[in-house]
Amino acid sequence: MRDTSIARNYAEAALELAQREQGADVWGGFLHALADLVEREPVVRRFIAAPQVAEAAKAAVLTKAFGGNIPSKLLRFVLKVIANRRQLLFPMIAVEYDALRDIQEGRVHARVTVSRAISDADRDAMTAQLSKVLGKTVVPHTTVDAEILGGVIVRVGDRVMDGSVRRKLGALRAKLAR
């Protein structure tokens, strides 16, 4: 089975458990913090991945580190992932968890490219318009690229809405060349 499928299965289980506890935000935050720890700290990654360290020892260390700070079901979930030797999938589990929450809450992420920095009011207006057009709550991720000359390019999944001046000038050039 591919790692993405496995991570998605764990994320589905985590989301179901989190919703029972009414703690989807807490679980998501912790999963991201743990994923970040696994990705950025080689000592932590080696410790949880080391086959020579007994599962009980890993559980004891993690229980001591996180026990009082997170819900007990979340700790048991983390320990189960480690017991199943899937601990290096924590970063993928966190990403899949967020994707499932986005689907459930009707959110989409849009990569928005603009030619210059925009104000918060313009960003809010653009977000409202995109939400209206797409029928979902849009979370914009804005980047600035002066090469588009003006306008905006919006990417949502496979869908691209290109309202850039560069594209319009290219279309005009092609039309004049005919």
N, C-alpha and C. Protein backbone atom coordinates (compact mmCIF):
# COMPACT_ATOMS: atom_id res chain seq x y z
N MET A 1 0.84 -1.18 0.00
CA MET A 1 0.00 0.00 0.00
C MET A 1 0.88 1.24 0.00
N ARG A 2 0.52 2.24 -0.74
CA ARG A 2 1.31 3.48 -0.80
C ARG A 2 1.21 4.24 0.51
N ASP A 3 2.26 4.98 0.82
CA ASP A 3 2.31 5.74 2.07
C ASP A 3 1.18 6.75 2.17
N THR A 4 0.81 7.37 1.06
CA THR A 4 -0.27 8.36 1.08
C THR A 4 -1.58 7.72 1.50
N SER A 5 -1.86 6.53 0.99
CA SER A 5 -3.10 5.83 1.35
C SER A 5 -3.09 5.45 2.82
N ILE A 6 -1.96 5.01 3.29
CA ILE A 6 -1.84 4.63 4.70
C ILE A 6 -2.02 5.87 5.58
N ALA A 7 -1.36 6.96 5.21
CA ALA A 7 -1.49 8.20 5.97
C ALA A 7 -2.93 8.69 5.98
N ARG A 8 -3.61 8.55 4.85
CA ARG A 8 -5.01 8.99 4.78
C ARG A 8 -5.88 8.15 5.71
N ASN A 9 -5.62 6.84 5.78
CA ASN A 9 -6.39 5.99 6.69
C ASN A 9 -6.19 6.41 8.15
N TYR A 10 -4.94 6.69 8.53
CA TYR A 10 -4.69 7.16 9.89
C TYR A 10 -5.34 8.52 10.13
N ALA A 11 -5.29 9.40 9.13
CA ALA A 11 -5.90 10.72 9.28
C ALA A 11 -7.41 10.61 9.45
N GLU A 12 -8.04 9.69 8.72
CA GLU A 12 -9.48 9.47 8.87
C GLU A 12 -9.80 9.01 10.29
N ALA A 13 -9.01 8.08 10.80
CA ALA A 13 -9.22 7.59 12.16
C ALA A 13 -9.01 8.72 13.17
N ALA A 14 -7.96 9.51 12.97
CA ALA A 14 -7.68 10.62 13.88
C ALA A 14 -8.82 11.63 13.87
N LEU A 15 -9.33 11.96 12.69
CA LEU A 15 -10.41 12.94 12.60
C LEU A 15 -11.68 12.42 13.27
N GLU A 16 -11.97 11.16 13.07
CA GLU A 16 -13.16 10.59 13.72
C GLU A 16 -13.03 10.64 15.24
N LEU A 17 -11.87 10.26 15.75
CA LEU A 17 -11.64 10.31 17.20
C LEU A 17 -11.69 11.75 17.71
N ALA A 18 -11.11 12.67 16.97
CA ALA A 18 -11.09 14.07 17.38
C ALA A 18 -12.51 14.65 17.44
N GLN A 19 -13.33 14.28 16.48
CA GLN A 19 -14.70 14.80 16.46
C GLN A 19 -15.53 14.23 17.60
N ARG A 20 -15.27 13.00 17.98
CA ARG A 20 -15.96 12.43 19.14
C ARG A 20 -15.62 13.22 20.40
N GLU A 21 -14.39 13.69 20.46
CA GLU A 21 -13.91 14.45 21.62
C GLU A 21 -14.19 15.94 21.46
N GLN A 22 -14.73 16.34 20.32
CA GLN A 22 -14.95 17.74 19.97
C GLN A 22 -13.64 18.53 20.09
N GLY A 23 -12.58 17.94 19.54
CA GLY A 23 -11.27 18.56 19.63
C GLY A 23 -10.51 18.52 18.32
N ALA A 24 -11.20 18.72 17.21
CA ALA A 24 -10.54 18.63 15.90
C ALA A 24 -9.40 19.63 15.77
N ASP A 25 -9.57 20.84 16.32
CA ASP A 25 -8.51 21.85 16.24
C ASP A 25 -7.31 21.44 17.09
N VAL A 26 -7.56 20.93 18.28
CA VAL A 26 -6.47 20.51 19.17
C VAL A 26 -5.69 19.37 18.52
N TRP A 27 -6.40 18.39 17.99
CA TRP A 27 -5.73 17.25 17.35
C TRP A 27 -4.93 17.72 16.14
N GLY A 28 -5.51 18.57 15.33
CA GLY A 28 -4.81 19.07 14.15
C GLY A 28 -3.54 19.84 14.52
N GLY A 29 -3.65 20.68 15.52
CA GLY A 29 -2.49 21.44 15.97
C GLY A 29 -1.38 20.54 16.49
N PHE A 30 -1.77 19.53 17.27
CA PHE A 30 -0.75 18.62 17.80
C PHE A 30 -0.14 17.78 16.69
N LEU A 31 -0.95 17.29 15.78
CA LEU A 31 -0.40 16.48 14.68
C LEU A 31 0.59 17.29 13.85
N HIS A 32 0.31 18.56 13.64
CA HIS A 32 1.26 19.40 12.90
C HIS A 32 2.52 19.66 13.70
N ALA A 33 2.38 19.88 15.00
CA ALA A 33 3.56 20.09 15.84
C ALA A 33 4.43 18.84 15.86
N LEU A 34 3.80 17.68 15.96
CA LEU A 34 4.54 16.42 15.97
C LEU A 34 5.19 16.17 14.61
N ALA A 35 4.47 16.45 13.54
CA ALA A 35 5.02 16.28 12.19
C ALA A 35 6.23 17.19 12.00
N ASP A 36 6.12 18.42 12.47
CA ASP A 36 7.23 19.35 12.37
C ASP A 36 8.43 18.85 13.16
N LEU A 37 8.17 18.32 14.33
CA LEU A 37 9.24 17.77 15.17
C LEU A 37 9.94 16.61 14.48
N VAL A 38 9.16 15.72 13.88
CA VAL A 38 9.72 14.56 13.19
C VAL A 38 10.53 15.00 11.96
N GLU A 39 10.05 16.00 11.25
CA GLU A 39 10.76 16.47 10.04
C GLU A 39 12.02 17.25 10.37
N ARG A 40 11.98 18.07 11.40
CA ARG A 40 13.07 19.01 11.66
C ARG A 40 14.12 18.53 12.67
N GLU A 41 13.77 17.59 13.50
CA GLU A 41 14.70 17.14 14.55
C GLU A 41 15.18 15.72 14.28
N PRO A 42 16.39 15.58 13.78
CA PRO A 42 16.91 14.24 13.47
C PRO A 42 16.97 13.32 14.69
N VAL A 43 17.22 13.87 15.86
CA VAL A 43 17.30 13.06 17.08
C VAL A 43 15.95 12.42 17.36
N VAL A 44 14.88 13.21 17.25
CA VAL A 44 13.53 12.68 17.49
C VAL A 44 13.19 11.64 16.44
N ARG A 45 13.48 11.95 15.18
CA ARG A 45 13.18 11.02 14.09
C ARG A 45 13.90 9.70 14.29
N ARG A 46 15.18 9.78 14.63
CA ARG A 46 15.95 8.54 14.84
C ARG A 46 15.42 7.76 16.04
N PHE A 47 15.04 8.48 17.10
CA PHE A 47 14.53 7.80 18.30
C PHE A 47 13.25 7.03 18.01
N ILE A 48 12.26 7.71 17.40
CA ILE A 48 10.99 7.01 17.18
C ILE A 48 11.07 5.96 16.09
N ALA A 49 12.06 6.08 15.19
CA ALA A 49 12.20 5.11 14.09
C ALA A 49 13.13 3.96 14.43
N ALA A 50 13.89 4.07 15.51
CA ALA A 50 14.91 3.06 15.84
C ALA A 50 14.28 1.73 16.22
N PRO A 51 14.56 0.68 15.46
CA PRO A 51 14.00 -0.63 15.80
C PRO A 51 14.62 -1.22 17.07
N GLN A 52 15.82 -0.78 17.42
CA GLN A 52 16.48 -1.31 18.62
C GLN A 52 15.91 -0.72 19.92
N VAL A 53 15.14 0.38 19.83
CA VAL A 53 14.48 0.94 21.00
C VAL A 53 13.12 0.26 21.13
N ALA A 54 12.90 -0.35 22.28
CA ALA A 54 11.66 -1.09 22.50
C ALA A 54 10.44 -0.15 22.45
N GLU A 55 9.34 -0.72 21.98
CA GLU A 55 8.09 0.04 21.88
C GLU A 55 7.69 0.60 23.24
N ALA A 56 7.88 -0.17 24.29
CA ALA A 56 7.53 0.28 25.64
C ALA A 56 8.37 1.49 26.06
N ALA A 57 9.63 1.50 25.67
CA ALA A 57 10.51 2.63 26.00
C ALA A 57 10.06 3.89 25.26
N LYS A 58 9.70 3.73 23.99
CA LYS A 58 9.20 4.87 23.22
C LYS A 58 7.91 5.40 23.84
N ALA A 59 7.03 4.48 24.21
CA ALA A 59 5.76 4.87 24.82
C ALA A 59 5.99 5.61 26.13
N ALA A 60 6.93 5.14 26.93
CA ALA A 60 7.22 5.78 28.21
C ALA A 60 7.74 7.21 28.00
N VAL A 61 8.65 7.38 27.07
CA VAL A 61 9.21 8.70 26.80
C VAL A 61 8.13 9.65 26.27
N LEU A 62 7.33 9.19 25.33
CA LEU A 62 6.30 10.04 24.76
C LEU A 62 5.19 10.35 25.77
N THR A 63 4.85 9.39 26.59
CA THR A 63 3.84 9.61 27.63
C THR A 63 4.34 10.66 28.61
N LYS A 64 5.61 10.56 28.99
CA LYS A 64 6.17 11.55 29.91
C LYS A 64 6.24 12.92 29.25
N ALA A 65 6.59 12.97 27.98
CA ALA A 65 6.73 14.25 27.28
C ALA A 65 5.38 14.92 27.01
N PHE A 66 4.38 14.14 26.60
CA PHE A 66 3.11 14.71 26.15
C PHE A 66 1.93 14.42 27.06
N GLY A 67 2.05 13.42 27.92
CA GLY A 67 0.93 12.90 28.69
C GLY A 67 -0.04 13.89 29.27
N GLY A 68 0.44 14.88 29.99
CA GLY A 68 -0.47 15.82 30.63
C GLY A 68 -0.91 16.96 29.74
N ASN A 69 -0.34 17.06 28.56
CA ASN A 69 -0.60 18.22 27.71
C ASN A 69 -1.58 17.96 26.58
N ILE A 70 -1.88 16.71 26.30
CA ILE A 70 -2.79 16.40 25.20
C ILE A 70 -3.84 15.40 25.69
N PRO A 71 -4.97 15.32 24.98
CA PRO A 71 -6.00 14.35 25.37
C PRO A 71 -5.45 12.92 25.34
N SER A 72 -5.94 12.09 26.25
CA SER A 72 -5.43 10.71 26.36
C SER A 72 -5.66 9.91 25.08
N LYS A 73 -6.78 10.13 24.40
CA LYS A 73 -7.03 9.40 23.14
C LYS A 73 -6.04 9.81 22.06
N LEU A 74 -5.64 11.05 22.06
CA LEU A 74 -4.64 11.52 21.09
C LEU A 74 -3.29 10.86 21.38
N LEU A 75 -2.93 10.77 22.64
CA LEU A 75 -1.68 10.10 23.00
C LEU A 75 -1.75 8.62 22.59
N ARG A 76 -2.87 7.97 22.84
CA ARG A 76 -3.02 6.56 22.45
C ARG A 76 -2.94 6.40 20.94
N PHE A 77 -3.50 7.36 20.20
CA PHE A 77 -3.41 7.32 18.74
C PHE A 77 -1.95 7.39 18.30
N VAL A 78 -1.21 8.33 18.86
CA VAL A 78 0.21 8.49 18.51
C VAL A 78 0.98 7.21 18.83
N LEU A 79 0.72 6.64 19.99
CA LEU A 79 1.41 5.40 20.38
C LEU A 79 1.05 4.24 19.48
N LYS A 80 -0.19 4.20 19.00
CA LYS A 80 -0.61 3.14 18.09
C LYS A 80 0.08 3.27 16.74
N VAL A 81 0.22 4.51 16.24
CA VAL A 81 0.94 4.73 14.98
C VAL A 81 2.38 4.23 15.12
N ILE A 82 3.00 4.53 16.24
CA ILE A 82 4.37 4.09 16.48
C ILE A 82 4.43 2.57 16.63
N ALA A 83 3.48 1.99 17.33
CA ALA A 83 3.45 0.53 17.51
C ALA A 83 3.31 -0.18 16.16
N ASN A 84 2.61 0.47 15.23
CA ASN A 84 2.43 -0.11 13.90
C ASN A 84 3.57 0.23 12.96
N ARG A 85 4.61 0.85 13.49
CA ARG A 85 5.82 1.23 12.75
C ARG A 85 5.52 2.17 11.58
N ARG A 86 4.63 3.10 11.80
CA ARG A 86 4.28 4.10 10.79
C ARG A 86 4.64 5.50 11.25
N GLN A 87 5.54 5.61 12.24
CA GLN A 87 5.87 6.88 12.86
C GLN A 87 6.46 7.91 11.90
N LEU A 88 7.11 7.49 10.85
CA LEU A 88 7.67 8.45 9.90
C LEU A 88 6.61 9.04 8.98
N LEU A 89 5.38 8.55 9.12
CA LEU A 89 4.27 9.09 8.32
C LEU A 89 3.56 10.25 9.00
N PHE A 90 4.01 10.65 10.20
CA PHE A 90 3.33 11.75 10.89
C PHE A 90 3.18 13.00 10.03
N PRO A 91 4.21 13.42 9.27
CA PRO A 91 4.01 14.60 8.41
C PRO A 91 2.89 14.39 7.37
N MET A 92 2.84 13.22 6.77
CA MET A 92 1.79 12.94 5.78
C MET A 92 0.42 12.83 6.45
N ILE A 93 0.38 12.27 7.64
CA ILE A 93 -0.89 12.14 8.37
C ILE A 93 -1.44 13.55 8.65
N ALA A 94 -0.58 14.47 9.06
CA ALA A 94 -1.02 15.84 9.36
C ALA A 94 -1.58 16.51 8.11
N VAL A 95 -0.93 16.32 6.97
CA VAL A 95 -1.40 16.92 5.72
C VAL A 95 -2.76 16.32 5.33
N GLU A 96 -2.88 15.02 5.42
CA GLU A 96 -4.15 14.36 5.08
C GLU A 96 -5.26 14.75 6.05
N TYR A 97 -4.93 14.92 7.31
CA TYR A 97 -5.90 15.35 8.32
C TYR A 97 -6.48 16.71 7.92
N ASP A 98 -5.60 17.63 7.54
CA ASP A 98 -6.06 18.96 7.11
C ASP A 98 -6.92 18.87 5.86
N ALA A 99 -6.54 18.03 4.92
CA ALA A 99 -7.31 17.87 3.68
C ALA A 99 -8.71 17.36 3.99
N LEU A 100 -8.81 16.40 4.89
CA LEU A 100 -10.12 15.87 5.27
C LEU A 100 -10.97 16.92 5.97
N ARG A 101 -10.36 17.72 6.82
CA ARG A 101 -11.10 18.80 7.50
C ARG A 101 -11.57 19.84 6.49
N ASP A 102 -10.75 20.14 5.51
CA ASP A 102 -11.14 21.10 4.47
C ASP A 102 -12.35 20.61 3.71
N ILE A 103 -12.35 19.34 3.34
CA ILE A 103 -13.48 18.75 2.61
C ILE A 103 -14.73 18.83 3.47
N GLN A 104 -14.58 18.43 4.73
CA GLN A 104 -15.72 18.39 5.64
C GLN A 104 -16.32 19.78 5.89
N GLU A 105 -15.46 20.78 5.93
CA GLU A 105 -15.91 22.13 6.25
C GLU A 105 -16.13 22.99 5.00
N GLY A 106 -16.03 22.38 3.81
CA GLY A 106 -16.30 23.10 2.57
C GLY A 106 -15.29 24.18 2.26
N ARG A 107 -14.02 23.92 2.54
CA ARG A 107 -12.94 24.88 2.29
C ARG A 107 -12.10 24.43 1.12
N VAL A 108 -11.63 25.39 0.35
CA VAL A 108 -10.65 25.11 -0.70
C VAL A 108 -9.50 26.11 -0.55
N HIS A 109 -8.33 25.68 -0.93
CA HIS A 109 -7.16 26.55 -0.89
C HIS A 109 -6.87 27.02 -2.30
N ALA A 110 -6.70 28.32 -2.44
CA ALA A 110 -6.43 28.92 -3.74
C ALA A 110 -5.05 29.56 -3.72
N ARG A 111 -4.25 29.22 -4.74
CA ARG A 111 -2.96 29.90 -4.93
C ARG A 111 -3.24 31.09 -5.82
N VAL A 112 -3.06 32.28 -5.27
CA VAL A 112 -3.38 33.52 -5.98
C VAL A 112 -2.08 34.24 -6.29
N THR A 113 -1.86 34.55 -7.57
CA THR A 113 -0.67 35.29 -7.99
C THR A 113 -1.11 36.66 -8.45
N VAL A 114 -0.50 37.68 -7.87
CA VAL A 114 -0.80 39.06 -8.23
C VAL A 114 0.50 39.74 -8.67
N SER A 115 0.36 40.87 -9.38
CA SER A 115 1.55 41.55 -9.90
C SER A 115 2.24 42.42 -8.85
N ARG A 116 1.49 42.84 -7.84
CA ARG A 116 2.06 43.66 -6.76
C ARG A 116 1.30 43.34 -5.47
N ALA A 117 1.90 43.74 -4.37
CA ALA A 117 1.26 43.48 -3.07
C ALA A 117 -0.12 44.14 -3.02
N ILE A 118 -1.07 43.44 -2.40
CA ILE A 118 -2.43 43.98 -2.31
C ILE A 118 -2.77 44.26 -0.86
N SER A 119 -3.71 45.16 -0.66
CA SER A 119 -4.13 45.53 0.70
C SER A 119 -5.01 44.43 1.28
N ASP A 120 -5.19 44.48 2.59
CA ASP A 120 -6.06 43.51 3.25
C ASP A 120 -7.49 43.62 2.75
N ALA A 121 -7.94 44.85 2.50
CA ALA A 121 -9.31 45.05 2.00
C ALA A 121 -9.48 44.42 0.62
N ASP A 122 -8.47 44.59 -0.25
CA ASP A 122 -8.53 43.98 -1.58
C ASP A 122 -8.50 42.46 -1.48
N ARG A 123 -7.67 41.94 -0.58
CA ARG A 123 -7.58 40.49 -0.38
C ARG A 123 -8.92 39.94 0.12
N ASP A 124 -9.56 40.64 1.05
CA ASP A 124 -10.85 40.20 1.56
C ASP A 124 -11.92 40.23 0.48
N ALA A 125 -11.91 41.29 -0.35
CA ALA A 125 -12.89 41.39 -1.44
C ALA A 125 -12.68 40.27 -2.46
N MET A 126 -11.41 40.01 -2.79
CA MET A 126 -11.10 38.94 -3.74
C MET A 126 -11.52 37.58 -3.17
N THR A 127 -11.26 37.36 -1.89
CA THR A 127 -11.63 36.10 -1.24
C THR A 127 -13.15 35.92 -1.25
N ALA A 128 -13.87 37.00 -0.96
CA ALA A 128 -15.34 36.93 -0.97
C ALA A 128 -15.85 36.61 -2.36
N GLN A 129 -15.28 37.23 -3.38
CA GLN A 129 -15.71 36.98 -4.76
C GLN A 129 -15.39 35.54 -5.18
N LEU A 130 -14.20 35.06 -4.84
CA LEU A 130 -13.83 33.68 -5.17
C LEU A 130 -14.74 32.69 -4.45
N SER A 131 -15.06 32.97 -3.20
CA SER A 131 -15.95 32.09 -2.44
C SER A 131 -17.32 32.02 -3.09
N LYS A 132 -17.78 33.16 -3.57
CA LYS A 132 -19.07 33.21 -4.25
C LYS A 132 -19.05 32.40 -5.55
N VAL A 133 -17.99 32.59 -6.34
CA VAL A 133 -17.87 31.89 -7.63
C VAL A 133 -17.74 30.39 -7.43
N LEU A 134 -16.92 29.97 -6.46
CA LEU A 134 -16.66 28.55 -6.26
C LEU A 134 -17.68 27.85 -5.36
N GLY A 135 -18.46 28.62 -4.63
CA GLY A 135 -19.46 28.03 -3.75
C GLY A 135 -18.87 27.35 -2.52
N LYS A 136 -17.66 27.72 -2.16
CA LYS A 136 -16.98 27.17 -0.99
C LYS A 136 -16.19 28.29 -0.32
N THR A 137 -15.83 28.07 0.91
CA THR A 137 -14.97 29.03 1.59
C THR A 137 -13.58 28.92 1.01
N VAL A 138 -13.03 30.03 0.56
CA VAL A 138 -11.71 30.05 -0.06
C VAL A 138 -10.67 30.56 0.93
N VAL A 139 -9.57 29.82 1.01
CA VAL A 139 -8.41 30.24 1.80
C VAL A 139 -7.33 30.62 0.80
N PRO A 140 -7.06 31.95 0.66
CA PRO A 140 -6.08 32.36 -0.35
C PRO A 140 -4.64 32.27 0.16
N HIS A 141 -3.76 31.86 -0.74
CA HIS A 141 -2.32 31.85 -0.48
C HIS A 141 -1.73 32.73 -1.58
N THR A 142 -1.40 33.96 -1.21
CA THR A 142 -1.03 34.98 -2.19
C THR A 142 0.48 35.05 -2.40
N THR A 143 0.87 35.13 -3.67
CA THR A 143 2.27 35.39 -4.02
C THR A 143 2.30 36.55 -5.01
N VAL A 144 3.42 37.26 -5.02
CA VAL A 144 3.59 38.39 -5.91
C VAL A 144 4.56 37.99 -7.02
N ASP A 145 4.16 38.25 -8.27
CA ASP A 145 5.00 37.98 -9.43
C ASP A 145 4.81 39.12 -10.42
N ALA A 146 5.78 40.02 -10.47
CA ALA A 146 5.68 41.20 -11.34
C ALA A 146 5.61 40.83 -12.82
N GLU A 147 6.04 39.64 -13.20
CA GLU A 147 6.05 39.24 -14.60
C GLU A 147 4.65 39.09 -15.21
N ILE A 148 3.61 38.98 -14.37
CA ILE A 148 2.26 38.86 -14.95
C ILE A 148 1.73 40.24 -15.36
N LEU A 149 2.49 41.31 -15.03
CA LEU A 149 2.23 42.70 -15.43
C LEU A 149 1.03 43.33 -14.73
N GLY A 150 0.00 42.62 -14.48
CA GLY A 150 -1.20 43.12 -13.83
C GLY A 150 -2.23 42.02 -13.78
N GLY A 151 -3.34 42.28 -13.10
CA GLY A 151 -4.38 41.26 -12.99
C GLY A 151 -4.05 40.23 -11.94
N VAL A 152 -4.65 39.06 -12.11
CA VAL A 152 -4.51 38.01 -11.10
C VAL A 152 -4.62 36.63 -11.76
N ILE A 153 -3.91 35.67 -11.21
CA ILE A 153 -4.02 34.27 -11.62
C ILE A 153 -4.42 33.48 -10.39
N VAL A 154 -5.49 32.70 -10.49
CA VAL A 154 -5.98 31.91 -9.37
C VAL A 154 -5.94 30.44 -9.74
N ARG A 155 -5.32 29.64 -8.86
CA ARG A 155 -5.26 28.19 -9.06
C ARG A 155 -5.95 27.51 -7.88
N VAL A 156 -6.98 26.73 -8.20
CA VAL A 156 -7.69 25.95 -7.18
C VAL A 156 -7.71 24.52 -7.69
N GLY A 157 -6.88 23.68 -7.09
CA GLY A 157 -6.76 22.30 -7.57
C GLY A 157 -6.24 22.31 -8.99
N ASP A 158 -6.97 21.69 -9.91
CA ASP A 158 -6.58 21.64 -11.32
C ASP A 158 -7.11 22.83 -12.12
N ARG A 159 -7.94 23.60 -11.51
CA ARG A 159 -8.60 24.72 -12.19
C ARG A 159 -7.72 25.97 -12.13
N VAL A 160 -7.55 26.63 -13.28
CA VAL A 160 -6.76 27.87 -13.35
C VAL A 160 -7.62 28.96 -13.96
N MET A 161 -7.71 30.08 -13.26
CA MET A 161 -8.42 31.25 -13.77
C MET A 161 -7.36 32.32 -13.98
N ASP A 162 -7.03 32.58 -15.24
CA ASP A 162 -5.94 33.50 -15.57
C ASP A 162 -6.50 34.82 -16.08
N GLY A 163 -6.46 35.82 -15.24
CA GLY A 163 -6.90 37.16 -15.63
C GLY A 163 -5.72 38.10 -15.67
N SER A 164 -4.54 37.56 -16.01
CA SER A 164 -3.34 38.39 -16.03
C SER A 164 -3.25 39.21 -17.31
N VAL A 165 -2.60 40.35 -17.20
CA VAL A 165 -2.37 41.20 -18.36
C VAL A 165 -1.46 40.48 -19.35
N ARG A 166 -0.49 39.72 -18.85
CA ARG A 166 0.42 38.97 -19.72
C ARG A 166 -0.35 38.02 -20.63
N ARG A 167 -1.33 37.30 -20.08
CA ARG A 167 -2.13 36.38 -20.90
C ARG A 167 -2.97 37.14 -21.91
N LYS A 168 -3.55 38.24 -21.48
CA LYS A 168 -4.40 39.03 -22.38
C LYS A 168 -3.58 39.62 -23.53
N LEU A 169 -2.37 40.08 -23.21
CA LEU A 169 -1.49 40.59 -24.27
C LEU A 169 -1.07 39.48 -25.23
N GLY A 170 -0.82 38.29 -24.70
CA GLY A 170 -0.48 37.15 -25.54
C GLY A 170 -1.62 36.77 -26.46
N ALA A 171 -2.86 36.80 -25.94
CA ALA A 171 -4.03 36.49 -26.77
C ALA A 171 -4.22 37.55 -27.85
N LEU A 172 -4.00 38.81 -27.48
CA LEU A 172 -4.11 39.89 -28.46
C LEU A 172 -3.05 39.75 -29.54
N ARG A 173 -1.83 39.41 -29.16
CA ARG A 173 -0.73 39.21 -30.12
C ARG A 173 -1.10 38.09 -31.08
N ALA A 174 -1.64 36.97 -30.56
CA ALA A 174 -2.01 35.84 -31.42
C ALA A 174 -3.12 36.26 -32.39
N LYS A 175 -4.07 37.05 -31.90
CA LYS A 175 -5.19 37.49 -32.71
C LYS A 175 -4.71 38.41 -33.84
N LEU A 176 -3.79 39.32 -33.52
CA LEU A 176 -3.25 40.23 -34.53
C LEU A 176 -2.37 39.51 -35.55
N ALA A 177 -1.72 38.45 -35.13
CA ALA A 177 -0.85 37.70 -36.04
C ALA A 177 -1.66 36.92 -37.08
N ARG A 178 -2.92 36.62 -36.78
CA ARG A 178 -3.75 35.88 -37.73
C ARG A 178 -4.11 36.75 -38.83
